[in-house]
Protein backbone atom coordinates (compact mmCIF):
# COMPACT_ATOMS: atom_id res chain seq x y z
CA MET A 1 36.46 -99.78 32.88
CA ILE A 2 35.97 -102.43 30.22
CA GLU A 3 38.98 -104.49 29.14
CA THR A 4 38.67 -106.54 25.97
CA LEU A 5 40.42 -109.66 24.74
CA GLN A 6 39.44 -110.70 21.22
CA TYR A 7 40.41 -113.56 18.94
CA GLN A 8 38.65 -113.90 15.61
CA SER A 9 34.92 -113.55 16.34
CA LEU A 10 35.18 -114.38 20.06
CA LYS A 11 35.35 -111.51 22.54
CA TRP A 12 36.10 -111.74 26.26
CA GLN A 13 35.38 -108.54 28.14
CA HIS A 14 36.21 -108.00 31.79
CA ILE A 15 34.54 -105.04 33.50
CA THR A 16 36.43 -103.47 36.39
CA ASN A 17 34.63 -101.16 38.84
CA ALA A 18 31.42 -101.37 36.84
CA SER A 19 29.59 -98.08 36.48
CA GLU A 20 26.10 -97.28 35.27
CA GLU A 21 27.62 -96.49 31.89
CA ASP A 22 29.07 -100.01 31.76
CA TYR A 23 25.69 -101.50 32.63
CA ARG A 24 24.08 -99.47 29.84
CA TYR A 25 26.74 -100.80 27.51
CA LEU A 26 25.72 -104.36 28.38
CA LEU A 27 22.06 -103.54 27.81
CA GLU A 28 22.73 -101.97 24.43
CA GLU A 29 25.58 -104.13 23.12
CA TYR A 30 24.38 -107.58 24.20
CA GLU A 31 20.71 -106.82 24.95
CA VAL A 32 20.93 -108.55 28.33
CA HIS A 33 17.86 -108.69 30.54
CA PRO A 34 17.46 -105.73 32.96
CA LEU A 35 16.96 -108.17 35.84
CA ASP A 36 20.44 -109.57 35.18
CA ILE A 37 21.83 -106.06 35.50
CA GLU A 38 20.04 -105.75 38.84
CA ASP A 39 21.72 -108.98 39.93
CA CYS A 40 25.08 -107.53 38.89
CA ARG A 41 24.50 -104.46 41.05
CA SER A 42 23.60 -106.49 44.12
CA THR A 43 25.51 -109.04 46.20
CA ASN A 44 24.61 -112.21 48.12
CA GLN A 45 22.86 -113.81 45.18
CA ARG A 46 22.22 -117.55 45.16
CA PRO A 47 24.07 -119.67 42.57
CA LYS A 48 22.03 -119.94 39.39
CA ILE A 49 22.03 -120.08 35.60
CA ASP A 50 19.48 -117.98 33.73
CA GLN A 51 18.91 -119.20 30.19
CA TYR A 52 17.83 -116.89 27.38
CA ASP A 53 17.52 -117.30 23.63
CA ASP A 54 20.99 -115.99 22.81
CA TYR A 55 22.96 -116.04 26.07
CA TYR A 56 23.27 -117.46 29.57
CA PHE A 57 23.79 -115.54 32.80
CA LEU A 58 25.73 -117.40 35.50
CA ILE A 59 26.19 -116.64 39.17
CA LEU A 60 28.55 -119.05 40.91
CA HIS A 61 30.27 -118.92 44.29
CA PHE A 62 33.92 -119.71 44.95
CA PRO A 63 35.94 -119.40 48.18
CA TYR A 64 39.15 -117.55 48.97
CA PHE A 65 41.14 -116.72 52.11
CA ASP A 66 40.90 -113.25 53.60
CA LYS A 67 43.87 -110.90 54.00
CA GLY A 68 44.73 -112.49 57.33
CA ASN A 69 45.00 -115.82 55.50
CA LYS A 70 42.87 -117.42 58.20
CA PHE A 71 39.16 -117.13 57.45
CA ILE A 72 37.48 -118.22 54.23
CA ARG A 73 35.31 -115.72 52.36
CA ILE A 74 33.02 -116.29 49.39
CA ARG A 75 33.19 -114.32 46.16
CA GLU A 76 30.46 -114.34 43.52
CA VAL A 77 31.47 -115.06 39.94
CA LYS A 78 29.06 -113.40 37.48
CA ILE A 79 29.39 -114.28 33.81
CA PHE A 80 27.43 -113.43 30.67
CA TRP A 81 28.00 -116.25 28.19
CA GLY A 82 26.95 -115.94 24.56
CA ARG A 83 27.83 -117.58 21.27
CA ASP A 84 30.70 -115.23 20.52
CA PHE A 85 31.30 -113.43 23.82
CA ILE A 86 32.10 -113.87 27.49
CA VAL A 87 31.63 -110.97 29.90
CA THR A 88 32.93 -111.17 33.46
CA LEU A 89 32.47 -108.50 36.10
CA ASP A 90 34.87 -106.92 38.57
CA ARG A 91 33.23 -108.54 41.59
CA SER A 92 34.27 -111.91 40.26
CA HIS A 93 36.89 -114.03 42.00
CA TRP A 94 40.44 -112.66 41.60
CA VAL A 95 41.39 -115.80 39.66
CA VAL A 96 39.18 -114.63 36.77
CA LYS A 97 41.12 -111.37 36.41
CA GLN A 98 44.41 -113.24 36.73
CA LEU A 99 43.43 -115.62 33.93
CA PHE A 100 42.26 -112.70 31.78
CA ASP A 101 45.63 -110.93 32.13
CA GLU A 102 47.56 -114.14 31.44
CA MET A 103 45.59 -114.93 28.30
CA ARG A 104 45.94 -111.37 27.02
CA VAL A 105 49.74 -111.65 27.24
CA GLU A 106 49.72 -115.13 25.69
CA LEU A 107 47.42 -113.97 22.89
CA ASP A 108 49.89 -111.24 21.97
CA GLU A 109 52.55 -113.95 21.80
CA GLN A 110 50.23 -116.12 19.66
CA ASP A 111 50.48 -118.98 22.14
CA GLU A 112 48.94 -122.04 20.52
CA ASP A 113 47.33 -123.33 23.71
CA THR A 114 45.70 -119.95 24.35
CA LEU A 115 44.43 -119.75 20.77
CA ASN A 116 42.82 -123.15 21.26
CA LYS A 117 41.11 -121.95 24.46
CA LEU A 118 39.70 -119.01 22.54
CA SER A 119 38.31 -121.13 19.72
CA SER A 120 34.77 -120.98 21.19
CA SER A 121 32.94 -119.35 24.07
CA ASP A 122 32.06 -122.78 25.49
CA LEU A 123 35.71 -123.77 25.68
CA LEU A 124 36.70 -120.42 27.17
CA LEU A 125 34.03 -120.77 29.85
CA TYR A 126 35.31 -124.26 30.61
CA TYR A 127 38.85 -122.98 31.18
CA ILE A 128 37.58 -120.17 33.40
CA LEU A 129 35.68 -122.67 35.54
CA GLU A 130 38.61 -125.08 35.51
CA ARG A 131 40.98 -122.42 36.84
CA LEU A 132 38.49 -121.56 39.57
CA MET A 133 38.19 -125.26 40.43
CA LYS A 134 41.96 -125.66 40.70
CA GLU A 135 42.25 -122.67 43.01
CA THR A 136 39.37 -123.95 45.11
CA TYR A 137 40.92 -127.42 45.28
CA THR A 138 44.17 -125.93 46.59
CA LEU A 139 42.19 -124.08 49.25
CA ILE A 140 40.32 -127.23 50.28
CA MET A 141 43.59 -129.16 50.53
CA ARG A 142 44.85 -126.50 52.90
CA VAL A 143 41.73 -126.92 55.03
CA GLY A 144 42.43 -130.66 55.02
CA ALA A 145 45.99 -130.00 56.17
CA GLU A 146 44.61 -127.96 59.07
CA VAL A 147 42.36 -130.88 60.04
CA ASP A 148 45.40 -133.19 59.97
CA LEU A 149 47.32 -130.69 62.10
CA ILE A 150 44.53 -130.70 64.69
CA ASN A 151 44.56 -134.51 64.65
CA TYR A 152 48.32 -134.50 65.29
CA ASP A 153 48.43 -131.74 67.90
CA ILE A 154 45.27 -132.56 69.82
CA PHE A 155 47.30 -134.50 72.41
CA ASN A 156 50.33 -132.21 72.46
CA LYS A 157 49.46 -128.53 72.46
CA ARG A 158 47.78 -126.24 74.92
CA ALA A 159 44.01 -126.31 75.03
CA ARG A 160 43.54 -122.67 74.06
CA SER A 161 45.42 -122.92 70.75
CA ILE A 162 43.62 -126.15 69.83
CA ILE A 163 40.21 -124.65 70.66
CA GLU A 164 40.97 -121.66 68.44
CA LEU A 165 42.15 -123.83 65.55
CA ILE A 166 39.15 -126.18 65.82
CA SER A 167 36.73 -123.23 65.90
CA ILE A 168 38.27 -121.53 62.85
CA THR A 169 38.53 -124.76 60.84
CA ARG A 170 34.96 -125.77 61.69
CA ARG A 171 33.68 -122.35 60.64
CA ASN A 172 35.55 -122.58 57.33
CA ILE A 173 34.23 -126.09 56.64
CA ILE A 174 30.64 -125.08 57.42
CA LEU A 175 30.97 -122.10 55.06
CA LEU A 176 32.38 -124.31 52.30
CA ASN A 177 29.62 -126.86 52.78
CA THR A 178 26.83 -124.27 52.65
CA THR A 179 28.44 -122.82 49.52
CA PHE A 180 29.04 -126.04 47.62
CA LYS A 181 25.81 -127.88 48.43
CA PRO A 182 23.29 -125.58 46.68
CA GLN A 183 25.68 -125.03 43.78
CA LEU A 184 26.04 -128.74 43.02
CA ARG A 185 22.64 -128.69 41.29
CA VAL A 186 23.80 -125.85 39.04
CA ILE A 187 27.00 -127.68 38.04
CA HIS A 188 24.94 -130.80 37.28
CA MET A 189 23.03 -128.84 34.66
CA PHE A 190 26.14 -128.66 32.46
CA GLU A 191 26.87 -132.38 32.50
CA SER A 192 23.23 -133.52 32.30
CA GLY A 193 22.57 -131.52 29.14
CA GLY A 194 20.35 -128.94 30.80
CA ILE A 195 22.77 -126.34 29.44
CA LYS A 196 23.28 -126.87 25.72
CA GLY A 197 25.96 -124.28 25.03
CA PHE A 198 26.70 -122.82 21.62
CA VAL A 199 29.37 -124.97 20.00
CA ASP A 200 28.32 -127.56 17.42
CA PRO A 201 28.64 -131.06 19.02
CA GLU A 202 30.00 -132.39 15.73
CA VAL A 203 32.82 -129.84 15.88
CA LEU A 204 33.55 -130.11 19.63
CA ASP A 205 31.71 -132.35 22.07
CA MET A 206 31.66 -130.42 25.35
CA GLU A 207 30.04 -133.25 27.33
CA ASP A 208 33.41 -134.64 28.46
CA TYR A 209 34.59 -131.16 29.44
CA TRP A 210 31.52 -130.49 31.56
CA GLY A 211 31.80 -133.97 33.01
CA ASN A 212 35.33 -133.15 34.10
CA ILE A 213 34.11 -129.98 35.84
CA LEU A 214 31.40 -131.97 37.62
CA ASP A 215 33.89 -134.65 38.69
CA GLN A 216 36.23 -132.05 40.17
CA TYR A 217 33.38 -130.31 41.93
CA GLN A 218 31.94 -133.56 43.30
CA LYS A 219 35.40 -134.60 44.53
CA MET A 220 35.83 -131.30 46.38
CA PHE A 221 32.33 -131.51 47.85
CA ASP A 222 32.98 -135.05 49.10
CA SER A 223 36.25 -133.89 50.66
CA ILE A 224 34.45 -131.05 52.44
CA GLU A 225 31.89 -133.47 53.87
CA ASP A 226 34.69 -135.81 55.02
CA TYR A 227 36.55 -132.95 56.68
CA GLY A 228 33.31 -131.87 58.36
CA GLU A 229 32.86 -135.33 59.88
CA LEU A 230 36.52 -135.44 60.93
CA ILE A 231 36.45 -132.03 62.62
CA ASP A 232 33.27 -133.01 64.49
CA GLY A 233 34.95 -136.20 65.67
CA LEU A 234 38.12 -134.36 66.68
CA SER A 235 36.07 -131.76 68.52
CA THR A 236 34.28 -134.50 70.47
CA THR A 237 37.60 -136.20 71.22
CA PHE A 238 39.10 -132.93 72.39
CA ASP A 239 36.11 -132.26 74.66
CA SER A 240 36.52 -135.75 76.16
CA LEU A 241 40.22 -135.14 76.75
CA GLN A 242 39.51 -131.84 78.47
CA THR A 243 36.83 -133.48 80.59
CA ASN A 244 39.25 -136.23 81.62
CA LYS A 245 41.91 -133.66 82.48
CA THR A 246 39.39 -131.75 84.57
CA ASN A 247 38.37 -134.96 86.34
CA ASP A 248 42.03 -135.75 87.08
CA ILE A 249 42.57 -132.30 88.53
CA MET A 250 39.44 -132.59 90.66
CA ARG A 251 40.55 -136.05 91.83
CA VAL A 252 43.92 -134.70 92.97
CA LEU A 253 42.29 -131.76 94.72
CA THR A 254 39.82 -134.13 96.42
CA TYR A 255 42.66 -136.36 97.61
CA PHE A 256 44.53 -133.34 98.93
CA SER A 257 41.44 -131.95 100.70
CA THR A 258 40.55 -135.33 102.21
CA ILE A 259 44.08 -135.81 103.56
CA MET A 260 44.29 -132.30 104.94
CA LEU A 261 40.92 -132.48 106.69
CA PRO A 262 41.93 -134.83 109.60
CA LEU A 263 45.28 -133.05 109.88
CA THR A 264 43.46 -129.74 110.22
CA VAL A 265 41.22 -131.24 112.91
CA ILE A 266 44.24 -132.49 114.89
CA THR A 267 46.09 -129.19 114.70
CA GLY A 268 42.88 -127.34 115.55
CA LEU A 269 42.30 -129.39 118.69
CA PHE A 270 45.80 -128.99 120.00
CA GLY A 271 45.78 -125.33 119.07
CA MET A 272 43.05 -124.53 121.64
CA ASN A 273 44.04 -122.79 124.85
CA VAL A 274 42.98 -125.66 127.16
CA ASP A 275 44.89 -128.37 128.95
CA PHE A 276 45.41 -131.62 127.06
CA PRO A 277 47.20 -134.84 128.02
CA PHE A 278 50.92 -134.77 127.24
CA THR A 279 50.93 -130.98 126.84
CA THR A 280 53.70 -130.77 129.45
CA ASN A 281 55.58 -133.66 127.89
CA THR A 282 58.52 -132.56 125.73
CA THR A 283 57.89 -135.42 123.30
CA ALA A 284 54.21 -134.50 122.76
CA PHE A 285 55.00 -132.47 119.64
CA TRP A 286 56.73 -135.40 117.97
CA ILE A 287 53.92 -137.74 118.98
CA ILE A 288 51.38 -135.44 117.28
CA ILE A 289 53.57 -135.15 114.17
CA GLY A 290 53.91 -138.93 114.03
CA ALA A 291 50.15 -139.34 114.33
CA MET A 292 49.60 -136.91 111.48
CA ILE A 293 52.14 -138.73 109.29
CA LEU A 294 50.46 -142.05 110.12
CA VAL A 295 47.04 -140.67 109.13
CA THR A 296 48.47 -139.32 105.85
CA ILE A 297 50.13 -142.63 104.94
CA THR A 298 46.96 -144.57 105.84
CA LEU A 299 44.80 -142.36 103.59
CA LEU A 300 47.30 -142.57 100.70
CA ILE A 301 47.33 -146.38 100.92
CA PHE A 302 43.53 -146.41 101.06
CA PHE A 303 43.17 -144.19 97.98
CA ARG A 304 45.73 -146.17 96.02
CA ARG A 305 44.05 -149.51 96.72
CA THR A 306 40.53 -148.16 96.20
CA PHE A 307 40.98 -145.99 93.11
CA GLY A 308 44.23 -147.36 91.70
CA ARG A 309 45.97 -143.98 91.87
């Protein structure tokens, strides 16, 4: 189904559940390249901008949280951008559809800010990307909050919950990094002038707008790299803590085993069915107990002086 939002000569069409009929419409109405239609049919495309004489075809990647609100997924944003049209497809990020619905309502109300956004396809594309950037920034800030939570709880909570949180957060950061890194080159094309756009620079200079998009993107990418370094450091710290805890447990068990060994030998000797000195003496039991206590105290003093524990 094709939904249309139009203001003056500019048309924004959003295609939901694209069918072959919709793809034929794009081929006939906008004369898009058949290879772009093939890209629309498929998934897992790399970020890119294809430039033609009268339009651009964009594939960008933006993250979102899954239904469990735990793992990050990546959604492709596919946009046909021409002088007087923008076409977005149903597989785009949900933010695109949300913005489309909002602007349709605001257009009916003749909202001045919305009318300004619809003054050119370049400006409309900028606001689509800006909304996606804001949503992505909120997501990255949440990932940063999870890193801070790990930093705070690493000394307090049980190991299992921390291991799970570190693993999930590290996975999300790696996915964000592998998504943002190859796309940075594509975003640079806007600000560097590699993408000219369609609006007359004397009417509206888009350089500052594209520069703002690049600044936001670079800021998010830098944050992702910082969080990646932090989570690696926290993971190493956590591993060291667990190793120290394991060493402490082994130390205690070694102390206990070392103390029990001579006591076991003493009880084993006097447990044999042979005659020993003092076996007929009524105080022999207490003598043996005293000897065992003396051995225990001696070993404890030795361990404390030797190992400081």
